[in-house]
Amino acid sequence: MMTPEEFSKARGGPWKNIHIRALGDALGAEVEAGELRRITDAQFLEIRRAWLEHHVLRFRGLDFSDDDLVAFSRRFGDYQPSTPNPHPAARSDLPGSPSAPRIRQAPRDPRYPQVSVVSNIIDGGVALGTLGDGELVWHSDQSSFEAPPSATLLYAIEVPPGQGRTGFLNAHLACEMLPADLRRGIEGRRLKHDDSMDSSGYLRPGHAPVTDVRVSPGRYHPIICNHPETGRESLFLGRRPFAYIEGLDVAESEDLLNALWAHLDQPQFVWRQEWERGDLIIWDNRSVMHQREAFDPNARRLMHRVMIKGSRPVHLGGSAHRLRAGSI
């Protein structure tokens, strides 16, 4: 972990131990650091700084095992447990689902509790992973948790060429470019992040459909948060469905959220990843939202994912350390 003061001092300095190539105007960089299994501490310090500066890093052409993925991810911190929904075809609790699905969910590998499998592949009646092949809406991982993850690492084992792009959105930049009236409308307010549905639009097991966003399950977080390592302010909106701004009438909350999401939905804040086999992406869940495009259900896509523990989102208000001009 860096402090905002340490980051401010290091930011913009030369890269002595790694090579960096920016991928988008808003965010994203590709890193070359040699053999990631044997990176030095000096290389990792620069990788971490690059991650804080560019928010999303890509490493290309890897041949990682789960041992390698877990070892590399551990450098960013302790892993955050993740229990994603089973594949929809393996569930019996969804409306219209058979009482005894013909598809069963593959168990997690007990050797690697850190790793969750994201895949649409069904082999021999067994779903290898979760989240299927549909679109995943803009979201931050586990935003309905008290302490959402700080980082997510996603490694591509099998991907369909030209399909299933992942979009990343710079929530720092979106916050800095808020219209003044919209900023005033959310200043000091908290947002409830719905816990009933996942980013693919499926109800989580044990949850009832939401009928009133004011009493639905979820945790409240400040709409504007400060990054714990850089101090920069960021919009923290989680995902749009069933969100609710504390203390407002539902109609007022909906109008304000619609305005916020209309502001977010601008290409100037976004970079999209075109996946290749062997890509490893790590994004900062505290400053980035992400989304996945739907892809051909007959295509095969297999990813392994690790999340890293984070801290409770906070807003420091006027005492915040802010980095604005010239940053991405």
C-alpha atoms as a PDB file:
ATOM      1  CA  MET A   1       0.000   0.000   0.000  1.00  0.00           C
ATOM      2  CA  MET A   2       1.092   3.526  -0.782  1.00  0.00           C
ATOM      3  CA  THR A   3      -0.034   6.671   0.974  1.00  0.00           C
ATOM      4  CA  PRO A   4      -1.339   9.600  -1.089  1.00  0.00           C
ATOM      5  CA  GLU A   5       1.841  11.488  -0.205  1.00  0.00           C
ATOM      6  CA  GLU A   6       4.067   8.635  -1.418  1.00  0.00           C
ATOM      7  CA  PHE A   7       2.063   8.298  -4.612  1.00  0.00           C
ATOM      8  CA  SER A   8       2.218  12.036  -5.307  1.00  0.00           C
ATOM      9  CA  LYS A   9       5.997  11.976  -4.917  1.00  0.00           C
ATOM     10  CA  ALA A  10       6.474   8.925  -7.157  1.00  0.00           C
ATOM     11  CA  ARG A  11       3.861   9.757  -9.796  1.00  0.00           C
ATOM     12  CA  GLY A  12       5.185  10.680 -13.218  1.00  0.00           C
ATOM     13  CA  GLY A  13       8.722   9.501 -12.539  1.00  0.00           C
ATOM     14  CA  PRO A  14      10.762   7.438 -15.018  1.00  0.00           C
ATOM     15  CA  TRP A  15      10.242   3.703 -15.453  1.00  0.00           C
ATOM     16  CA  LYS A  16      13.596   2.131 -14.645  1.00  0.00           C
ATOM     17  CA  ASN A  17      12.674  -1.555 -14.369  1.00  0.00           C
ATOM     18  CA  ILE A  18       9.623  -2.073 -16.614  1.00  0.00           C
ATOM     19  CA  HIS A  19       8.317  -0.849 -19.962  1.00  0.00           C
ATOM     20  CA  ILE A  20       4.922   0.895 -20.156  1.00  0.00           C
ATOM     21  CA  ARG A  21       2.738   1.574 -23.195  1.00  0.00           C
ATOM     22  CA  ALA A  22      -0.518   3.479 -22.780  1.00  0.00           C
ATOM     23  CA  LEU A  23      -3.529   1.696 -24.283  1.00  0.00           C
ATOM     24  CA  GLY A  24      -6.205   4.384 -24.114  1.00  0.00           C
ATOM     25  CA  ASP A  25      -6.568   8.092 -23.523  1.00  0.00           C
ATOM     26  CA  ALA A  26      -8.756   7.559 -20.452  1.00  0.00           C
ATOM     27  CA  LEU A  27      -6.973   4.620 -18.821  1.00  0.00           C
ATOM     28  CA  GLY A  28      -5.120   1.382 -19.468  1.00  0.00           C
ATOM     29  CA  ALA A  29      -1.469   0.441 -20.053  1.00  0.00           C
ATOM     30  CA  GLU A  30       0.433  -2.597 -21.268  1.00  0.00           C
ATOM     31  CA  VAL A  31       3.395  -3.675 -19.152  1.00  0.00           C
ATOM     32  CA  GLU A  32       6.515  -5.555 -20.173  1.00  0.00           C
ATOM     33  CA  ALA A  33       8.467  -6.789 -17.171  1.00  0.00           C
ATOM     34  CA  GLY A  34      10.109  -9.948 -18.439  1.00  0.00           C
ATOM     35  CA  GLU A  35       9.228 -13.213 -16.710  1.00  0.00           C
ATOM     36  CA  LEU A  36       6.474 -12.351 -14.225  1.00  0.00           C
ATOM     37  CA  ARG A  37       7.192 -15.487 -12.208  1.00  0.00           C
ATOM     38  CA  ARG A  38      10.553 -13.981 -11.282  1.00  0.00           C
ATOM     39  CA  ILE A  39       9.997 -10.234 -11.066  1.00  0.00           C
ATOM     40  CA  THR A  40      12.093  -8.334  -8.548  1.00  0.00           C
ATOM     41  CA  ASP A  41      10.741  -6.176  -5.754  1.00  0.00           C
ATOM     42  CA  ALA A  42      11.893  -3.100  -7.656  1.00  0.00           C
ATOM     43  CA  GLN A  43       9.910  -4.218 -10.707  1.00  0.00           C
ATOM     44  CA  PHE A  44       6.812  -4.867  -8.638  1.00  0.00           C
ATOM     45  CA  LEU A  45       6.961  -1.437  -6.994  1.00  0.00           C
ATOM     46  CA  GLU A  46       6.879   0.103 -10.473  1.00  0.00           C
ATOM     47  CA  ILE A  47       4.092  -2.250 -11.561  1.00  0.00           C
ATOM     48  CA  ARG A  48       2.032  -1.147  -8.572  1.00  0.00           C
ATOM     49  CA  ARG A  49       2.713   2.506  -9.311  1.00  0.00           C
ATOM     50  CA  ALA A  50       1.739   1.977 -12.959  1.00  0.00           C
ATOM     51  CA  TRP A  51      -1.476   0.310 -11.808  1.00  0.00           C
ATOM     52  CA  LEU A  52      -2.338   3.319  -9.628  1.00  0.00           C
ATOM     53  CA  GLU A  53      -1.532   5.748 -12.445  1.00  0.00           C
ATOM     54  CA  HIS A  54      -3.231   3.876 -15.309  1.00  0.00           C
ATOM     55  CA  HIS A  55      -5.920   1.991 -13.317  1.00  0.00           C
ATOM     56  CA  VAL A  56      -5.864  -1.045 -15.654  1.00  0.00           C
ATOM     57  CA  LEU A  57      -2.748  -3.020 -16.600  1.00  0.00           C
ATOM     58  CA  ARG A  58      -2.390  -5.684 -19.271  1.00  0.00           C
ATOM     59  CA  PHE A  59       0.302  -8.365 -19.435  1.00  0.00           C
ATOM     60  CA  ARG A  60       0.293 -10.240 -22.730  1.00  0.00           C
ATOM     61  CA  GLY A  61       1.498 -13.647 -23.903  1.00  0.00           C
ATOM     62  CA  LEU A  62       1.577 -15.390 -20.521  1.00  0.00           C
ATOM     63  CA  ASP A  63       1.371 -19.114 -19.880  1.00  0.00           C
ATOM     64  CA  PHE A  64       0.208 -19.074 -16.266  1.00  0.00           C
ATOM     65  CA  SER A  65      -0.872 -21.985 -14.119  1.00  0.00           C
ATOM     66  CA  ASP A  66      -3.164 -21.356 -11.158  1.00  0.00           C
ATOM     67  CA  ASP A  67      -0.057 -21.533  -8.964  1.00  0.00           C
ATOM     68  CA  ASP A  68       1.449 -18.685 -10.996  1.00  0.00           C
ATOM     69  CA  LEU A  69      -1.747 -16.636 -10.949  1.00  0.00           C
ATOM     70  CA  VAL A  70      -2.134 -16.986  -7.183  1.00  0.00           C
ATOM     71  CA  ALA A  71       1.539 -16.200  -6.524  1.00  0.00           C
ATOM     72  CA  PHE A  72       1.461 -13.049  -8.644  1.00  0.00           C
ATOM     73  CA  SER A  73      -1.870 -11.861  -7.248  1.00  0.00           C
ATOM     74  CA  ARG A  74      -0.578 -12.319  -3.696  1.00  0.00           C
ATOM     75  CA  ARG A  75       1.846  -9.457  -4.286  1.00  0.00           C
ATOM     76  CA  PHE A  76      -1.153  -7.106  -4.371  1.00  0.00           C
ATOM     77  CA  GLY A  77      -2.542  -8.314  -1.041  1.00  0.00           C
ATOM     78  CA  ASP A  78      -4.650 -11.039   0.546  1.00  0.00           C
ATOM     79  CA  TYR A  79      -7.301 -12.579  -1.647  1.00  0.00           C
ATOM     80  CA  GLN A  80     -10.964 -11.669  -1.324  1.00  0.00           C
ATOM     81  CA  PRO A  81     -13.284 -14.715  -1.242  1.00  0.00           C
ATOM     82  CA  SER A  82     -15.677 -14.848  -4.180  1.00  0.00           C
ATOM     83  CA  THR A  83     -18.697 -17.119  -4.560  1.00  0.00           C
ATOM     84  CA  PRO A  84     -20.324 -16.169  -7.871  1.00  0.00           C
ATOM     85  CA  ASN A  85     -23.724 -17.493  -8.881  1.00  0.00           C
ATOM     86  CA  PRO A  86     -23.772 -20.949 -10.444  1.00  0.00           C
ATOM     87  CA  HIS A  87     -24.220 -21.080 -14.214  1.00  0.00           C
ATOM     88  CA  PRO A  88     -27.911 -20.266 -14.952  1.00  0.00           C
ATOM     89  CA  ALA A  89     -28.374 -23.647 -16.650  1.00  0.00           C
ATOM     90  CA  ALA A  90     -27.293 -25.388 -13.434  1.00  0.00           C
ATOM     91  CA  ARG A  91     -29.844 -23.653 -11.206  1.00  0.00           C
ATOM     92  CA  SER A  92     -33.291 -24.813 -10.123  1.00  0.00           C
ATOM     93  CA  ASP A  93     -34.264 -21.658  -8.199  1.00  0.00           C
ATOM     94  CA  LEU A  94     -34.748 -19.296 -11.153  1.00  0.00           C
ATOM     95  CA  PRO A  95     -38.188 -18.697 -12.679  1.00  0.00           C
ATOM     96  CA  GLY A  96     -38.811 -21.301 -15.384  1.00  0.00           C
ATOM     97  CA  SER A  97     -35.897 -23.492 -14.301  1.00  0.00           C
ATOM     98  CA  PRO A  98     -36.474 -27.266 -14.146  1.00  0.00           C
ATOM     99  CA  SER A  99     -36.593 -28.731 -10.657  1.00  0.00           C
ATOM    100  CA  ALA A 100     -33.702 -31.021 -11.577  1.00  0.00           C
ATOM    101  CA  PRO A 101     -31.418 -29.252 -14.104  1.00  0.00           C
ATOM    102  CA  ARG A 102     -29.613 -31.477 -16.587  1.00  0.00           C
ATOM    103  CA  ILE A 103     -26.521 -29.298 -16.183  1.00  0.00           C
ATOM    104  CA  ARG A 104     -24.484 -29.384 -12.996  1.00  0.00           C
ATOM    105  CA  GLN A 105     -21.934 -26.879 -11.769  1.00  0.00           C
ATOM    106  CA  ALA A 106     -18.306 -27.961 -11.634  1.00  0.00           C
ATOM    107  CA  PRO A 107     -16.949 -27.782  -8.078  1.00  0.00           C
ATOM    108  CA  ARG A 108     -14.204 -25.330  -7.280  1.00  0.00           C
ATOM    109  CA  ASP A 109     -10.676 -26.662  -7.140  1.00  0.00           C
ATOM    110  CA  PRO A 110      -9.997 -26.987  -3.390  1.00  0.00           C
ATOM    111  CA  ARG A 111      -6.298 -26.389  -3.994  1.00  0.00           C
ATOM    112  CA  TYR A 112      -7.001 -22.841  -5.156  1.00  0.00           C
ATOM    113  CA  PRO A 113      -9.728 -21.186  -3.063  1.00  0.00           C
ATOM    114  CA  GLN A 114      -8.511 -17.834  -4.425  1.00  0.00           C
ATOM    115  CA  VAL A 115      -9.518 -18.694  -8.012  1.00  0.00           C
ATOM    116  CA  SER A 116     -13.015 -18.483  -9.439  1.00  0.00           C
ATOM    117  CA  VAL A 117     -13.794 -19.639 -12.970  1.00  0.00           C
ATOM    118  CA  VAL A 118     -15.608 -17.314 -15.378  1.00  0.00           C
ATOM    119  CA  SER A 119     -16.809 -19.317 -18.365  1.00  0.00           C
ATOM    120  CA  ASN A 120     -19.746 -20.185 -20.604  1.00  0.00           C
ATOM    121  CA  ILE A 121     -18.368 -23.659 -21.419  1.00  0.00           C
ATOM    122  CA  ILE A 122     -20.501 -26.711 -20.696  1.00  0.00           C
ATOM    123  CA  ASP A 123     -18.635 -29.994 -21.216  1.00  0.00           C
ATOM    124  CA  GLY A 124     -20.379 -33.312 -20.743  1.00  0.00           C
ATOM    125  CA  GLY A 125     -23.273 -31.713 -18.884  1.00  0.00           C
ATOM    126  CA  VAL A 126     -20.943 -29.853 -16.511  1.00  0.00           C
ATOM    127  CA  ALA A 127     -20.707 -26.029 -16.420  1.00  0.00           C
ATOM    128  CA  LEU A 128     -17.041 -25.191 -15.963  1.00  0.00           C
ATOM    129  CA  GLY A 129     -17.673 -21.675 -14.633  1.00  0.00           C
ATOM    130  CA  THR A 130     -20.120 -18.839 -14.160  1.00  0.00           C
ATOM    131  CA  LEU A 131     -21.560 -15.706 -15.817  1.00  0.00           C
ATOM    132  CA  GLY A 132     -22.427 -17.390 -19.122  1.00  0.00           C
ATOM    133  CA  ASP A 133     -22.121 -15.569 -22.454  1.00  0.00           C
ATOM    134  CA  GLY A 134     -24.425 -12.576 -22.017  1.00  0.00           C
ATOM    135  CA  GLU A 135     -23.676  -8.930 -21.469  1.00  0.00           C
ATOM    136  CA  LEU A 136     -22.437  -7.884 -18.038  1.00  0.00           C
ATOM    137  CA  VAL A 137     -23.601  -4.388 -17.157  1.00  0.00           C
ATOM    138  CA  TRP A 138     -21.264  -1.666 -15.925  1.00  0.00           C
ATOM    139  CA  HIS A 139     -20.345  -2.453 -12.339  1.00  0.00           C
ATOM    140  CA  SER A 140     -17.698  -2.539  -9.622  1.00  0.00           C
ATOM    141  CA  ASP A 141     -16.932  -5.951  -8.167  1.00  0.00           C
ATOM    142  CA  GLN A 142     -18.707  -6.795  -4.898  1.00  0.00           C
ATOM    143  CA  SER A 143     -19.772  -3.185  -4.387  1.00  0.00           C
ATOM    144  CA  SER A 144     -22.554  -4.363  -2.043  1.00  0.00           C
ATOM    145  CA  PHE A 145     -19.914  -5.649   0.399  1.00  0.00           C
ATOM    146  CA  GLU A 146     -18.865  -3.608   3.437  1.00  0.00           C
ATOM    147  CA  ALA A 147     -15.300  -3.605   2.058  1.00  0.00           C
ATOM    148  CA  PRO A 148     -15.264  -4.185  -1.727  1.00  0.00           C
ATOM    149  CA  PRO A 149     -12.123  -5.620  -3.338  1.00  0.00           C
ATOM    150  CA  SER A 150      -9.219  -3.338  -4.148  1.00  0.00           C
ATOM    151  CA  ALA A 151      -8.209  -5.270  -7.257  1.00  0.00           C
ATOM    152  CA  THR A 152      -9.381  -7.931  -9.677  1.00  0.00           C
ATOM    153  CA  LEU A 153      -7.058 -10.064 -11.817  1.00  0.00           C
ATOM    154  CA  LEU A 154      -8.536 -11.860 -14.837  1.00  0.00           C
ATOM    155  CA  TYR A 155      -6.483 -14.334 -16.875  1.00  0.00           C
ATOM    156  CA  ALA A 156      -7.554 -15.519 -20.331  1.00  0.00           C
ATOM    157  CA  ILE A 157      -7.115 -19.256 -20.927  1.00  0.00           C
ATOM    158  CA  GLU A 158      -9.484 -19.628 -23.884  1.00  0.00           C
ATOM    159  CA  VAL A 159     -11.173 -16.739 -25.726  1.00  0.00           C
ATOM    160  CA  PRO A 160     -13.154 -16.342 -28.969  1.00  0.00           C
ATOM    161  CA  PRO A 161     -11.261 -13.903 -31.235  1.00  0.00           C
ATOM    162  CA  GLY A 162     -12.908 -10.505 -31.574  1.00  0.00           C
ATOM    163  CA  GLN A 163     -15.727 -11.269 -29.132  1.00  0.00           C
ATOM    164  CA  GLY A 164     -16.604 -10.568 -25.516  1.00  0.00           C
ATOM    165  CA  ARG A 165     -14.643  -7.347 -25.148  1.00  0.00           C
ATOM    166  CA  THR A 166     -14.339  -5.957 -21.633  1.00  0.00           C
ATOM    167  CA  GLY A 167     -14.864  -2.227 -21.196  1.00  0.00           C
ATOM    168  CA  PHE A 168     -13.170  -0.260 -18.419  1.00  0.00           C
ATOM    169  CA  LEU A 169     -14.319   3.168 -17.236  1.00  0.00           C
ATOM    170  CA  ASN A 170     -12.195   5.740 -15.411  1.00  0.00           C
ATOM    171  CA  ALA A 171     -14.396   6.764 -12.472  1.00  0.00           C
ATOM    172  CA  HIS A 172     -11.830   9.353 -11.314  1.00  0.00           C
ATOM    173  CA  LEU A 173     -12.103  11.193 -14.623  1.00  0.00           C
ATOM    174  CA  ALA A 174     -15.885  10.898 -14.601  1.00  0.00           C
ATOM    175  CA  CYS A 175     -15.946  12.435 -11.126  1.00  0.00           C
ATOM    176  CA  GLU A 176     -13.617  15.291 -12.052  1.00  0.00           C
ATOM    177  CA  MET A 177     -15.768  16.147 -15.084  1.00  0.00           C
ATOM    178  CA  LEU A 178     -19.116  16.177 -13.260  1.00  0.00           C
ATOM    179  CA  PRO A 179     -21.275  19.196 -14.095  1.00  0.00           C
ATOM    180  CA  ALA A 180     -21.405  21.527 -11.102  1.00  0.00           C
ATOM    181  CA  ASP A 181     -25.150  21.107 -10.515  1.00  0.00           C
ATOM    182  CA  LEU A 182     -24.863  17.311 -10.593  1.00  0.00           C
ATOM    183  CA  ARG A 183     -21.933  17.447  -8.183  1.00  0.00           C
ATOM    184  CA  ARG A 184     -24.001  19.533  -5.773  1.00  0.00           C
ATOM    185  CA  GLY A 185     -26.851  17.038  -5.989  1.00  0.00           C
ATOM    186  CA  ILE A 186     -24.718  14.120  -4.762  1.00  0.00           C
ATOM    187  CA  GLU A 187     -22.275  15.880  -2.441  1.00  0.00           C
ATOM    188  CA  GLY A 188     -22.293  14.105   0.926  1.00  0.00           C
ATOM    189  CA  ARG A 189     -24.913  11.542  -0.139  1.00  0.00           C
ATOM    190  CA  ARG A 190     -24.744   7.760   0.145  1.00  0.00           C
ATOM    191  CA  LEU A 191     -25.876   5.146  -2.358  1.00  0.00           C
ATOM    192  CA  LYS A 192     -27.284   1.725  -1.537  1.00  0.00           C
ATOM    193  CA  HIS A 193     -25.624  -0.969  -3.670  1.00  0.00           C
ATOM    194  CA  ASP A 194     -28.107  -3.750  -4.373  1.00  0.00           C
ATOM    195  CA  ASP A 195     -27.120  -7.211  -3.164  1.00  0.00           C
ATOM    196  CA  SER A 196     -29.937  -9.202  -4.766  1.00  0.00           C
ATOM    197  CA  MET A 197     -28.701  -9.497  -8.374  1.00  0.00           C
ATOM    198  CA  ASP A 198     -25.397 -10.087 -10.107  1.00  0.00           C
ATOM    199  CA  SER A 199     -23.949  -8.145 -13.042  1.00  0.00           C
ATOM    200  CA  SER A 200     -25.487 -10.578 -15.552  1.00  0.00           C
ATOM    201  CA  GLY A 201     -28.986  -9.778 -14.265  1.00  0.00           C
ATOM    202  CA  TYR A 202     -29.642 -13.020 -12.382  1.00  0.00           C
ATOM    203  CA  LEU A 203     -31.097 -13.145  -8.882  1.00  0.00           C
ATOM    204  CA  ARG A 204     -28.635 -14.428  -6.330  1.00  0.00           C
ATOM    205  CA  PRO A 205     -29.668 -17.620  -4.512  1.00  0.00           C
ATOM    206  CA  GLY A 206     -31.715 -16.921  -1.401  1.00  0.00           C
ATOM    207  CA  HIS A 207     -32.856 -13.468  -2.529  1.00  0.00           C
ATOM    208  CA  ALA A 208     -36.368 -12.385  -3.433  1.00  0.00           C
ATOM    209  CA  PRO A 209     -37.088 -10.063  -6.378  1.00  0.00           C
ATOM    210  CA  VAL A 210     -36.798  -6.397  -5.417  1.00  0.00           C
ATOM    211  CA  THR A 211     -40.121  -4.589  -5.070  1.00  0.00           C
ATOM    212  CA  ASP A 212     -38.983  -1.532  -3.073  1.00  0.00           C
ATOM    213  CA  VAL A 213     -35.426  -0.197  -3.442  1.00  0.00           C
ATOM    214  CA  ARG A 214     -35.701   1.594  -0.091  1.00  0.00           C
ATOM    215  CA  VAL A 215     -35.804  -1.683   1.840  1.00  0.00           C
ATOM    216  CA  SER A 216     -33.985  -4.042  -0.523  1.00  0.00           C
ATOM    217  CA  PRO A 217     -30.753  -5.730   0.639  1.00  0.00           C
ATOM    218  CA  GLY A 218     -27.499  -3.877   0.143  1.00  0.00           C
ATOM    219  CA  ARG A 219     -24.904  -1.630   1.759  1.00  0.00           C
ATOM    220  CA  TYR A 220     -24.617   2.130   1.689  1.00  0.00           C
ATOM    221  CA  HIS A 221     -21.413   3.769   0.454  1.00  0.00           C
ATOM    222  CA  PRO A 222     -20.564   7.405  -0.319  1.00  0.00           C
ATOM    223  CA  ILE A 223     -21.309   8.282  -3.953  1.00  0.00           C
ATOM    224  CA  ILE A 224     -18.030  10.186  -4.075  1.00  0.00           C
ATOM    225  CA  CYS A 225     -15.116   8.299  -2.494  1.00  0.00           C
ATOM    226  CA  ASN A 226     -11.431   8.980  -2.028  1.00  0.00           C
ATOM    227  CA  HIS A 227      -8.927   6.434  -3.245  1.00  0.00           C
ATOM    228  CA  PRO A 228      -6.990   5.199  -0.175  1.00  0.00           C
ATOM    229  CA  GLU A 229      -3.622   5.176  -1.986  1.00  0.00           C
ATOM    230  CA  THR A 230      -3.825   8.203  -4.282  1.00  0.00           C
ATOM    231  CA  GLY A 231      -6.361  10.392  -2.484  1.00  0.00           C
ATOM    232  CA  ARG A 232      -8.193  11.136  -5.732  1.00  0.00           C
ATOM    233  CA  GLU A 233     -11.947  11.424  -5.709  1.00  0.00           C
ATOM    234  CA  SER A 234     -13.966   8.871  -7.651  1.00  0.00           C
ATOM    235  CA  LEU A 235     -17.599   8.124  -8.420  1.00  0.00           C
ATOM    236  CA  PHE A 236     -18.592   4.857  -6.754  1.00  0.00           C
ATOM    237  CA  LEU A 237     -21.890   3.736  -8.265  1.00  0.00           C
ATOM    238  CA  GLY A 238     -21.590  -0.060  -8.295  1.00  0.00           C
ATOM    239  CA  ARG A 239     -24.294  -0.901 -10.833  1.00  0.00           C
ATOM    240  CA  ARG A 240     -27.523   0.764 -11.881  1.00  0.00           C
ATOM    241  CA  PRO A 241     -30.293  -1.849 -11.251  1.00  0.00           C
ATOM    242  CA  PHE A 242     -32.056  -1.361  -7.883  1.00  0.00           C
ATOM    243  CA  ALA A 243     -29.639   1.313  -6.650  1.00  0.00           C
ATOM    244  CA  TYR A 244     -31.084   3.892  -4.261  1.00  0.00           C
ATOM    245  CA  ILE A 245     -29.803   7.239  -2.926  1.00  0.00           C
ATOM    246  CA  GLU A 246     -30.371   7.433   0.814  1.00  0.00           C
ATOM    247  CA  GLY A 247     -32.926   9.896   2.092  1.00  0.00           C
ATOM    248  CA  LEU A 248     -34.587  10.736  -1.229  1.00  0.00           C
ATOM    249  CA  ASP A 249     -37.996   9.862  -2.563  1.00  0.00           C
ATOM    250  CA  VAL A 250     -37.694   6.966  -4.986  1.00  0.00           C
ATOM    251  CA  ALA A 251     -38.570   9.211  -7.929  1.00  0.00           C
ATOM    252  CA  GLU A 252     -35.932  11.776  -6.894  1.00  0.00           C
ATOM    253  CA  SER A 253     -33.363   9.026  -6.473  1.00  0.00           C
ATOM    254  CA  GLU A 254     -34.166   7.587  -9.888  1.00  0.00           C
ATOM    255  CA  ASP A 255     -33.903  10.987 -11.593  1.00  0.00           C
ATOM    256  CA  LEU A 256     -30.543  11.744  -9.978  1.00  0.00           C
ATOM    257  CA  LEU A 257     -29.164   8.281 -10.742  1.00  0.00           C
ATOM    258  CA  ASN A 258     -30.323   8.523 -14.353  1.00  0.00           C
ATOM    259  CA  ALA A 259     -28.451  11.827 -14.677  1.00  0.00           C
ATOM    260  CA  LEU A 260     -25.317  10.298 -13.144  1.00  0.00           C
ATOM    261  CA  TRP A 261     -25.372   7.298 -15.451  1.00  0.00           C
ATOM    262  CA  ALA A 262     -26.011   9.498 -18.489  1.00  0.00           C
ATOM    263  CA  HIS A 263     -22.862  11.401 -17.512  1.00  0.00           C
ATOM    264  CA  LEU A 264     -20.894   8.160 -17.087  1.00  0.00           C
ATOM    265  CA  ASP A 265     -21.982   6.786 -20.458  1.00  0.00           C
ATOM    266  CA  GLN A 266     -19.415   8.737 -22.478  1.00  0.00           C
ATOM    267  CA  PRO A 267     -16.679   7.217 -24.669  1.00  0.00           C
ATOM    268  CA  GLN A 268     -14.102   9.671 -23.304  1.00  0.00           C
ATOM    269  CA  PHE A 269     -14.043   7.750 -20.009  1.00  0.00           C
ATOM    270  CA  VAL A 270     -13.679   4.254 -21.531  1.00  0.00           C
ATOM    271  CA  TRP A 271     -11.079   1.857 -22.936  1.00  0.00           C
ATOM    272  CA  ARG A 272     -12.014  -1.633 -24.205  1.00  0.00           C
ATOM    273  CA  GLN A 273      -9.876  -4.754 -23.979  1.00  0.00           C
ATOM    274  CA  GLU A 274      -9.706  -7.059 -27.032  1.00  0.00           C
ATOM    275  CA  TRP A 275      -8.836 -10.378 -25.431  1.00  0.00           C
ATOM    276  CA  GLU A 276      -6.109 -12.750 -26.582  1.00  0.00           C
ATOM    277  CA  ARG A 277      -5.160 -16.068 -25.055  1.00  0.00           C
ATOM    278  CA  GLY A 278      -2.541 -15.496 -22.348  1.00  0.00           C
ATOM    279  CA  ASP A 279      -3.706 -11.977 -21.440  1.00  0.00           C
ATOM    280  CA  LEU A 280      -3.696 -11.035 -17.774  1.00  0.00           C
ATOM    281  CA  ILE A 281      -5.619  -7.895 -16.835  1.00  0.00           C
ATOM    282  CA  ILE A 282      -5.552  -6.325 -13.390  1.00  0.00           C
ATOM    283  CA  TRP A 283      -7.821  -3.399 -12.634  1.00  0.00           C
ATOM    284  CA  ASP A 284      -8.249  -1.112  -9.661  1.00  0.00           C
ATOM    285  CA  ASN A 285     -11.765  -1.778  -8.389  1.00  0.00           C
ATOM    286  CA  ARG A 286     -11.638   1.494  -6.425  1.00  0.00           C
ATOM    287  CA  SER A 287     -11.210   3.703  -9.486  1.00  0.00           C
ATOM    288  CA  VAL A 288     -12.587   1.602 -12.352  1.00  0.00           C
ATOM    289  CA  MET A 289     -15.940   0.217 -13.455  1.00  0.00           C
ATOM    290  CA  HIS A 290     -16.101  -2.589 -15.983  1.00  0.00           C
ATOM    291  CA  GLN A 291     -18.561  -4.209 -18.395  1.00  0.00           C
ATOM    292  CA  ARG A 292     -18.553  -7.183 -20.766  1.00  0.00           C
ATOM    293  CA  GLU A 293     -20.068  -7.423 -24.223  1.00  0.00           C
ATOM    294  CA  ALA A 294     -22.162 -10.486 -25.039  1.00  0.00           C
ATOM    295  CA  PHE A 295     -20.582 -13.106 -27.292  1.00  0.00           C
ATOM    296  CA  ASP A 296     -21.582 -16.146 -29.375  1.00  0.00           C
ATOM    297  CA  PRO A 297     -23.085 -18.811 -27.057  1.00  0.00           C
ATOM    298  CA  ASN A 298     -21.391 -21.477 -29.178  1.00  0.00           C
ATOM    299  CA  ALA A 299     -17.960 -19.925 -28.671  1.00  0.00           C
ATOM    300  CA  ARG A 300     -15.724 -21.079 -25.824  1.00  0.00           C
ATOM    301  CA  ARG A 301     -14.461 -18.580 -23.242  1.00  0.00           C
ATOM    302  CA  LEU A 302     -12.546 -19.606 -20.135  1.00  0.00           C
ATOM    303  CA  MET A 303     -11.086 -17.158 -17.622  1.00  0.00           C
ATOM    304  CA  HIS A 304      -9.631 -17.552 -14.148  1.00  0.00           C
ATOM    305  CA  ARG A 305     -10.158 -14.703 -11.688  1.00  0.00           C
ATOM    306  CA  VAL A 306      -8.675 -13.613  -8.365  1.00  0.00           C
ATOM    307  CA  MET A 307      -9.880 -10.687  -6.234  1.00  0.00           C
ATOM    308  CA  ILE A 308      -7.825  -8.809  -3.638  1.00  0.00           C
ATOM    309  CA  LYS A 309      -9.178  -7.514  -0.336  1.00  0.00           C
ATOM    310  CA  GLY A 310      -9.955  -3.830  -0.061  1.00  0.00           C
ATOM    311  CA  SER A 311     -11.189  -1.366   2.539  1.00  0.00           C
ATOM    312  CA  ARG A 312     -14.448   0.375   3.323  1.00  0.00           C
ATOM    313  CA  PRO A 313     -15.088   3.264   0.889  1.00  0.00           C
ATOM    314  CA  VAL A 314     -14.888   6.713   2.495  1.00  0.00           C
ATOM    315  CA  HIS A 315     -15.140  10.331   1.404  1.00  0.00           C
ATOM    316  CA  LEU A 316     -12.707  12.748   3.023  1.00  0.00           C
ATOM    317  CA  GLY A 317     -14.470  15.878   1.831  1.00  0.00           C
ATOM    318  CA  GLY A 318     -12.529  19.112   1.999  1.00  0.00           C
ATOM    319  CA  SER A 319      -9.475  17.458   3.582  1.00  0.00           C
ATOM    320  CA  ALA A 320      -8.986  15.197   0.564  1.00  0.00           C
ATOM    321  CA  HIS A 321      -5.663  15.057  -1.227  1.00  0.00           C
ATOM    322  CA  ARG A 322      -6.629  15.662  -4.855  1.00  0.00           C
ATOM    323  CA  LEU A 323      -4.697  15.005  -8.028  1.00  0.00           C
ATOM    324  CA  ARG A 324      -6.326  16.558 -11.067  1.00  0.00           C
ATOM    325  CA  ALA A 325      -4.557  18.273 -13.914  1.00  0.00           C
ATOM    326  CA  GLY A 326      -2.535  16.084 -16.247  1.00  0.00           C
ATOM    327  CA  SER A 327      -3.689  12.768 -14.762  1.00  0.00           C
ATOM    328  CA  ILE A 328      -5.428   9.873 -16.422  1.00  0.00           C
END
